[in-house]
Amino acid sequence: MVLAVFLFIVGFVCLIKGGDWFVDGAVGIAERFHLPELLIGATIVSIGTTLPEVMVSAGSALSGHGEIAYGNAIGSVICNTALISAITAAVKPGPVENKSMRQPVIFFFIAAILYCAVAYTSRFFSRTIGIVLLAVFVTYMVLSVLQVMRNPQQAPVPEEDEENAGDKKESSLAKDLILLIVGAALIAVGARLLIDNGTKIAEALGVPESVIALTFVALGTSLPELITAITSLIKGHGSLSLGNVIGANLFNLVLVSGLSITLNPFSIPTGKLIAGHNASLVLDLPIMLFVMAFLTLPALFRAKVTRFQGVTLLVIYFAYCVLQFVI
């Protein structure tokens, strides 16, 4: 038990550092080749910060732990929205670019409606549903690239001493490639440690796997988004964090869940009940939809997020975590 807890913590650390290095390397390479900043944020950064969820959920599905794959995707959306974005809104509320938010928000709710429709009707996610979700992911990526191509916006190139520019650029490119590779490797190792030892801890404590996935594992795999949010706050770019979280939430449904379901279809967890009904259908999915609507819809209409939204979401997240261990 002690060893499992230690390795679980090591897995968290690997995910944090791996996600951090992966994003740094990916963004560095993109900027070096003068790719538009919007394209970097809409694709590389969101995919990079979602990699822990991809690794954890895909590994869980393949090893027969569908509860973790299912709970991690939903739990990460709730955690990203009601904790990470909520912290950003509560600490530093402000204006957001509602035009750039519109497309990922629309795609998120399309995917969420499909996801919920399957959960409430068949309660089984077949390989066909997984492929459909992956198709939504590909469609979103293609439209994002086309949108950027129609409205090019090159990333700024830092001014350098001309004599040292070539050497510095070559050195930095090598560093970015190393960060990318090492970061991806750490994410893979951390995800494996998290799955194996999270399952052992759940079994030892008698806690259902779905609870561990919806809280501890979801928080752990969302730490890259938390790091991005804190960094954005420090640098005064709160809207960057919001955009990254919305993109990551979309990817949790269409990429993380889509890949997991395609690899190994599974049913929704049945371990917890509320008033005789499946807790996931009564609590988890409605909370996921509500917190995303509460965060994004006012921002789309008013082009800003408020401290009230942030504080309310934090209260909801705290109450949600408490409920996971009460029911």
Protein backbone atom coordinates (compact mmCIF):
# COMPACT_ATOMS: atom_id res chain seq x y z
CA MET A 1 0.00 0.00 0.00
CA VAL A 2 2.81 2.42 0.92
CA LEU A 3 4.69 1.55 -2.26
CA ALA A 4 1.53 2.02 -4.33
CA VAL A 5 0.96 5.49 -2.85
CA PHE A 6 4.61 6.42 -3.50
CA LEU A 7 4.48 5.24 -7.11
CA PHE A 8 1.12 7.01 -7.55
CA ILE A 9 2.79 10.29 -6.48
CA VAL A 10 5.75 9.58 -8.78
CA GLY A 11 3.25 9.12 -11.61
CA PHE A 12 1.73 12.53 -10.83
CA VAL A 13 5.18 14.15 -10.91
CA CYS A 14 6.04 12.49 -14.22
CA LEU A 15 2.77 13.70 -15.73
CA ILE A 16 3.30 17.26 -14.51
CA LYS A 17 6.88 17.52 -15.75
CA GLY A 18 6.23 15.53 -18.91
CA GLY A 19 3.24 17.68 -19.88
CA ASP A 20 5.20 20.84 -19.12
CA TRP A 21 8.19 19.83 -21.22
CA PHE A 22 6.06 18.48 -24.06
CA VAL A 23 4.13 21.74 -24.39
CA ASP A 24 7.32 23.83 -24.16
CA GLY A 25 8.98 21.76 -26.86
CA ALA A 26 5.95 21.72 -29.16
CA VAL A 27 5.34 25.46 -28.85
CA GLY A 28 9.04 26.18 -29.35
CA ILE A 29 9.14 24.17 -32.58
CA ALA A 30 5.92 25.74 -33.86
CA GLU A 31 7.19 29.27 -33.19
CA ARG A 32 10.55 28.45 -34.74
CA PHE A 33 8.82 27.60 -38.02
CA HIS A 34 6.61 30.72 -37.69
CA LEU A 35 3.31 28.89 -37.38
CA PRO A 36 0.39 31.16 -36.44
CA GLU A 37 -0.15 31.62 -32.70
CA LEU A 38 -3.84 30.74 -32.96
CA LEU A 39 -2.97 27.41 -34.59
CA ILE A 40 -0.51 26.63 -31.78
CA GLY A 41 -3.10 27.28 -29.09
CA ALA A 42 -5.96 25.50 -30.86
CA THR A 43 -3.99 22.37 -31.66
CA ILE A 44 -0.53 21.77 -30.15
CA VAL A 45 -1.06 23.24 -26.68
CA SER A 46 -4.49 21.66 -26.15
CA ILE A 47 -3.36 18.28 -27.48
CA GLY A 48 -0.19 18.49 -25.39
CA THR A 49 -2.02 19.21 -22.15
CA THR A 50 -4.55 16.46 -22.97
CA LEU A 51 -1.91 13.78 -23.54
CA PRO A 52 -2.01 12.56 -19.91
CA GLU A 53 -5.74 11.88 -20.25
CA VAL A 54 -5.13 10.11 -23.57
CA MET A 55 -2.45 7.85 -22.08
CA VAL A 56 -4.36 7.11 -18.87
CA SER A 57 -7.71 6.42 -20.54
CA ALA A 58 -6.32 4.39 -23.45
CA GLY A 59 -4.19 2.30 -21.10
CA SER A 60 -7.13 1.78 -18.74
CA ALA A 61 -9.42 0.70 -21.57
CA LEU A 62 -6.87 -1.78 -22.92
CA SER A 63 -6.29 -3.25 -19.44
CA GLY A 64 -10.03 -3.74 -18.91
CA HIS A 65 -10.64 -0.84 -16.51
CA GLY A 66 -13.36 0.98 -18.44
CA GLU A 67 -14.48 2.81 -15.28
CA ILE A 68 -11.20 4.73 -15.17
CA ALA A 69 -11.29 5.55 -18.91
CA TYR A 70 -14.90 6.77 -18.65
CA GLY A 71 -14.52 8.59 -15.33
CA ASN A 72 -11.22 10.23 -16.25
CA ALA A 73 -12.65 11.90 -19.35
CA ILE A 74 -15.74 13.25 -17.57
CA GLY A 75 -13.85 14.06 -14.38
CA SER A 76 -11.18 15.96 -16.33
CA VAL A 77 -13.82 18.12 -18.03
CA ILE A 78 -15.36 18.94 -14.64
CA CYS A 79 -11.96 19.56 -13.06
CA ASN A 80 -10.73 21.72 -15.97
CA THR A 81 -13.88 23.83 -15.88
CA ALA A 82 -14.91 24.05 -12.22
CA LEU A 83 -11.41 24.15 -10.73
CA ILE A 84 -8.78 25.34 -13.22
CA SER A 85 -10.81 27.89 -15.21
CA ALA A 86 -12.61 28.82 -12.00
CA ILE A 87 -9.30 29.73 -10.33
CA THR A 88 -8.40 31.91 -13.32
CA ALA A 89 -11.81 33.64 -13.24
CA ALA A 90 -11.83 34.08 -9.45
CA VAL A 91 -8.28 35.50 -9.27
CA LYS A 92 -8.24 37.59 -12.43
CA PRO A 93 -11.60 37.95 -14.24
CA GLY A 94 -11.59 39.86 -17.47
CA PRO A 95 -12.48 40.03 -21.18
CA VAL A 96 -12.20 37.03 -23.49
CA GLU A 97 -12.15 36.64 -27.27
CA ASN A 98 -15.64 35.25 -27.80
CA LYS A 99 -15.12 34.82 -31.56
CA SER A 100 -12.23 32.40 -31.05
CA MET A 101 -14.25 30.56 -28.38
CA ARG A 102 -17.29 29.98 -30.55
CA GLN A 103 -16.04 27.04 -32.63
CA PRO A 104 -14.58 24.87 -29.80
CA VAL A 105 -17.63 25.56 -27.61
CA ILE A 106 -20.04 24.51 -30.37
CA PHE A 107 -18.03 21.36 -31.06
CA PHE A 108 -17.86 20.55 -27.35
CA PHE A 109 -21.63 20.63 -26.91
CA ILE A 110 -22.17 18.61 -30.11
CA ALA A 111 -19.82 15.94 -28.74
CA ALA A 112 -21.35 16.19 -25.24
CA ILE A 113 -24.90 15.73 -26.56
CA LEU A 114 -23.79 12.67 -28.55
CA TYR A 115 -21.93 11.30 -25.51
CA CYS A 116 -24.91 11.80 -23.20
CA ALA A 117 -27.38 10.38 -25.73
CA VAL A 118 -25.43 7.13 -25.83
CA ALA A 119 -25.03 7.04 -22.04
CA TYR A 120 -28.74 7.60 -21.35
CA THR A 121 -30.02 5.20 -24.01
CA SER A 122 -27.80 2.17 -24.60
CA ARG A 123 -25.38 2.78 -21.67
CA PHE A 124 -22.74 1.07 -23.81
CA PHE A 125 -20.09 2.84 -25.89
CA SER A 126 -19.52 0.73 -28.98
CA ARG A 127 -16.53 0.92 -31.33
CA THR A 128 -18.76 2.74 -33.84
CA ILE A 129 -19.35 5.53 -31.30
CA GLY A 130 -15.62 5.72 -30.68
CA ILE A 131 -14.93 6.14 -34.40
CA VAL A 132 -17.63 8.83 -34.66
CA LEU A 133 -16.04 10.77 -31.78
CA LEU A 134 -12.63 10.52 -33.43
CA ALA A 135 -14.20 11.78 -36.68
CA VAL A 136 -15.51 14.82 -34.78
CA PHE A 137 -11.97 15.42 -33.50
CA VAL A 138 -10.52 15.25 -37.03
CA THR A 139 -13.26 17.58 -38.35
CA TYR A 140 -12.55 20.12 -35.61
CA MET A 141 -8.81 20.03 -36.33
CA VAL A 142 -9.32 20.48 -40.07
CA LEU A 143 -11.71 23.41 -39.56
CA SER A 144 -9.30 25.00 -37.08
CA VAL A 145 -6.46 24.80 -39.58
CA LEU A 146 -8.65 26.20 -42.37
CA GLN A 147 -9.78 29.03 -40.09
CA VAL A 148 -6.18 29.95 -39.33
CA MET A 149 -5.20 29.76 -43.01
CA ARG A 150 -7.99 32.21 -43.84
CA ASN A 151 -6.82 34.54 -41.08
CA PRO A 152 -3.03 34.12 -40.85
CA GLN A 153 -1.40 35.56 -37.77
CA GLN A 154 2.27 34.81 -37.53
CA ALA A 155 3.93 34.31 -34.19
CA PRO A 156 6.39 37.06 -33.30
CA VAL A 157 10.03 36.37 -34.03
CA PRO A 158 12.40 37.52 -31.30
CA GLU A 159 15.11 39.94 -32.24
CA GLU A 160 18.60 38.39 -32.14
CA ASP A 161 22.16 39.35 -32.80
CA GLU A 162 22.68 38.43 -36.45
CA GLU A 163 26.10 36.88 -35.82
CA ASN A 164 24.74 34.43 -33.23
CA ALA A 165 21.25 33.95 -34.68
CA GLY A 166 22.08 30.76 -36.62
CA ASP A 167 23.83 29.00 -33.73
CA LYS A 168 21.19 30.03 -31.22
CA LYS A 169 18.37 28.86 -33.46
CA GLU A 170 20.04 25.48 -34.07
CA SER A 171 20.72 25.00 -30.36
CA SER A 172 17.17 25.97 -29.42
CA LEU A 173 15.67 23.61 -32.02
CA ALA A 174 17.67 20.70 -30.61
CA LYS A 175 16.52 21.62 -27.10
CA ASP A 176 12.88 21.79 -28.22
CA LEU A 177 13.11 18.36 -29.85
CA ILE A 178 14.61 16.88 -26.68
CA LEU A 179 11.88 18.47 -24.55
CA LEU A 180 9.24 17.06 -26.89
CA ILE A 181 10.60 13.49 -26.83
CA VAL A 182 11.46 13.37 -23.11
CA GLY A 183 8.13 15.02 -22.22
CA ALA A 184 6.18 12.42 -24.19
CA ALA A 185 8.16 9.60 -22.54
CA LEU A 186 7.50 10.99 -19.03
CA ILE A 187 3.79 11.28 -19.81
CA ALA A 188 3.70 7.62 -20.89
CA VAL A 189 5.54 6.46 -17.74
CA GLY A 190 3.46 8.66 -15.44
CA ALA A 191 0.21 7.47 -16.98
CA ARG A 192 1.19 3.82 -16.48
CA LEU A 193 2.11 4.42 -12.84
CA LEU A 194 -1.14 6.31 -12.29
CA ILE A 195 -3.31 3.55 -13.76
CA ASP A 196 -1.64 0.63 -12.00
CA ASN A 197 -1.28 2.19 -8.57
CA GLY A 198 -4.57 4.10 -8.68
CA THR A 199 -6.32 0.78 -9.17
CA LYS A 200 -4.37 -0.83 -6.29
CA ILE A 201 -5.17 2.05 -3.93
CA ALA A 202 -8.86 1.93 -4.87
CA GLU A 203 -9.02 -1.79 -4.20
CA ALA A 204 -7.16 -1.49 -0.88
CA LEU A 205 -9.45 1.27 0.38
CA GLY A 206 -12.61 -0.32 -0.96
CA VAL A 207 -13.30 2.78 -3.04
CA PRO A 208 -14.92 2.22 -6.46
CA GLU A 209 -12.60 2.82 -9.41
CA SER A 210 -15.07 5.33 -10.83
CA VAL A 211 -14.64 7.57 -7.77
CA ILE A 212 -10.83 7.47 -8.02
CA ALA A 213 -11.08 8.27 -11.74
CA LEU A 214 -13.51 11.14 -11.28
CA THR A 215 -11.44 12.84 -8.57
CA PHE A 216 -7.76 11.97 -7.97
CA VAL A 217 -6.85 10.63 -11.42
CA ALA A 218 -8.85 13.37 -13.19
CA LEU A 219 -7.09 16.04 -11.11
CA GLY A 220 -3.70 14.47 -11.76
CA THR A 221 -4.13 14.30 -15.53
CA SER A 222 -5.48 17.88 -15.53
CA LEU A 223 -2.36 19.28 -13.87
CA PRO A 224 -0.81 20.38 -17.21
CA GLU A 225 -3.87 22.59 -17.74
CA LEU A 226 -3.47 23.88 -14.17
CA ILE A 227 0.18 24.73 -14.84
CA THR A 228 -0.84 26.52 -18.05
CA ALA A 229 -3.51 28.46 -16.15
CA ILE A 230 -1.11 29.59 -13.42
CA THR A 231 1.55 30.57 -15.95
CA SER A 232 -1.01 32.49 -17.99
CA LEU A 233 -2.18 34.34 -14.87
CA ILE A 234 1.39 35.31 -13.95
CA LYS A 235 2.03 36.61 -17.47
CA GLY A 236 -1.35 38.37 -17.68
CA HIS A 237 -2.89 36.16 -20.37
CA GLY A 238 -5.97 34.72 -18.67
CA SER A 239 -7.79 34.23 -21.97
CA LEU A 240 -5.03 31.86 -23.13
CA SER A 241 -5.80 29.58 -20.19
CA LEU A 242 -9.55 29.70 -20.89
CA GLY A 243 -9.04 28.79 -24.54
CA ASN A 244 -6.71 25.95 -23.63
CA VAL A 245 -9.20 24.53 -21.11
CA ILE A 246 -12.10 24.65 -23.58
CA GLY A 247 -9.98 22.95 -26.23
CA ALA A 248 -8.79 20.34 -23.72
CA ASN A 249 -12.39 19.65 -22.64
CA LEU A 250 -13.40 19.04 -26.23
CA PHE A 251 -10.43 16.72 -26.74
CA ASN A 252 -11.35 14.81 -23.55
CA LEU A 253 -14.64 13.81 -25.16
CA VAL A 254 -13.66 13.31 -28.79
CA LEU A 255 -10.00 12.26 -28.59
CA VAL A 256 -9.56 10.73 -25.12
CA SER A 257 -12.94 8.96 -25.01
CA GLY A 258 -13.00 8.30 -28.75
CA LEU A 259 -9.63 6.54 -28.71
CA SER A 260 -10.41 4.57 -25.52
CA ILE A 261 -13.78 3.37 -26.84
CA THR A 262 -12.32 2.42 -30.23
CA LEU A 263 -9.55 0.40 -28.60
CA ASN A 264 -11.87 -1.40 -26.17
CA PRO A 265 -15.62 -0.58 -26.02
CA PHE A 266 -17.08 -0.41 -22.50
CA SER A 267 -20.27 0.24 -20.54
CA ILE A 268 -20.82 3.15 -18.16
CA PRO A 269 -19.94 2.39 -14.50
CA THR A 270 -22.70 0.84 -12.41
CA GLY A 271 -21.07 0.79 -8.97
CA LYS A 272 -22.67 3.93 -7.49
CA LEU A 273 -26.36 4.66 -7.10
CA ILE A 274 -28.31 7.79 -6.11
CA ALA A 275 -31.92 7.08 -5.10
CA GLY A 276 -31.69 3.80 -6.97
CA HIS A 277 -30.40 5.41 -10.18
CA ASN A 278 -26.95 5.27 -11.78
CA ALA A 279 -24.87 8.05 -10.18
CA SER A 280 -23.11 8.86 -13.44
CA LEU A 281 -26.41 9.61 -15.15
CA VAL A 282 -27.85 11.52 -12.19
CA LEU A 283 -24.75 13.46 -11.11
CA ASP A 284 -21.60 13.25 -13.26
CA LEU A 285 -22.96 13.97 -16.75
CA PRO A 286 -25.38 16.75 -15.62
CA ILE A 287 -22.58 18.44 -13.64
CA MET A 288 -20.26 18.25 -16.66
CA LEU A 289 -22.85 19.92 -18.92
CA PHE A 290 -23.82 22.53 -16.32
CA VAL A 291 -20.33 23.76 -15.43
CA MET A 292 -19.35 24.11 -19.10
CA ALA A 293 -22.56 25.99 -19.89
CA PHE A 294 -22.15 28.19 -16.81
CA LEU A 295 -18.59 29.09 -17.84
CA THR A 296 -18.87 29.46 -21.61
CA LEU A 297 -22.36 30.72 -22.47
CA PRO A 298 -22.14 34.00 -20.47
CA ALA A 299 -18.62 34.51 -21.86
CA LEU A 300 -19.89 34.09 -25.43
CA PHE A 301 -22.66 36.67 -24.96
CA ARG A 302 -20.79 39.19 -22.76
CA ALA A 303 -17.20 38.58 -24.00
CA LYS A 304 -15.91 38.29 -20.43
CA VAL A 305 -15.73 36.00 -17.43
CA THR A 306 -16.61 37.26 -13.97
CA ARG A 307 -15.37 36.57 -10.44
CA PHE A 308 -18.89 35.39 -9.57
CA GLN A 309 -18.58 32.62 -12.18
CA GLY A 310 -15.20 31.58 -10.80
CA VAL A 311 -16.25 31.47 -7.16
CA THR A 312 -19.51 29.65 -7.97
CA LEU A 313 -17.68 27.02 -9.99
CA LEU A 314 -15.16 26.45 -7.18
CA VAL A 315 -18.02 25.88 -4.71
CA ILE A 316 -19.62 23.43 -7.14
CA TYR A 317 -16.36 21.53 -7.57
CA PHE A 318 -15.80 21.27 -3.82
CA ALA A 319 -19.36 20.01 -3.27
CA TYR A 320 -18.98 17.55 -6.17
CA CYS A 321 -15.78 16.06 -4.71
CA VAL A 322 -17.42 15.70 -1.29
CA LEU A 323 -20.42 13.94 -2.84
CA GLN A 324 -18.15 11.41 -4.52
CA PHE A 325 -17.15 10.05 -1.13
CA VAL A 326 -20.56 10.39 0.53
CA ILE A 327 -22.73 8.50 -1.93
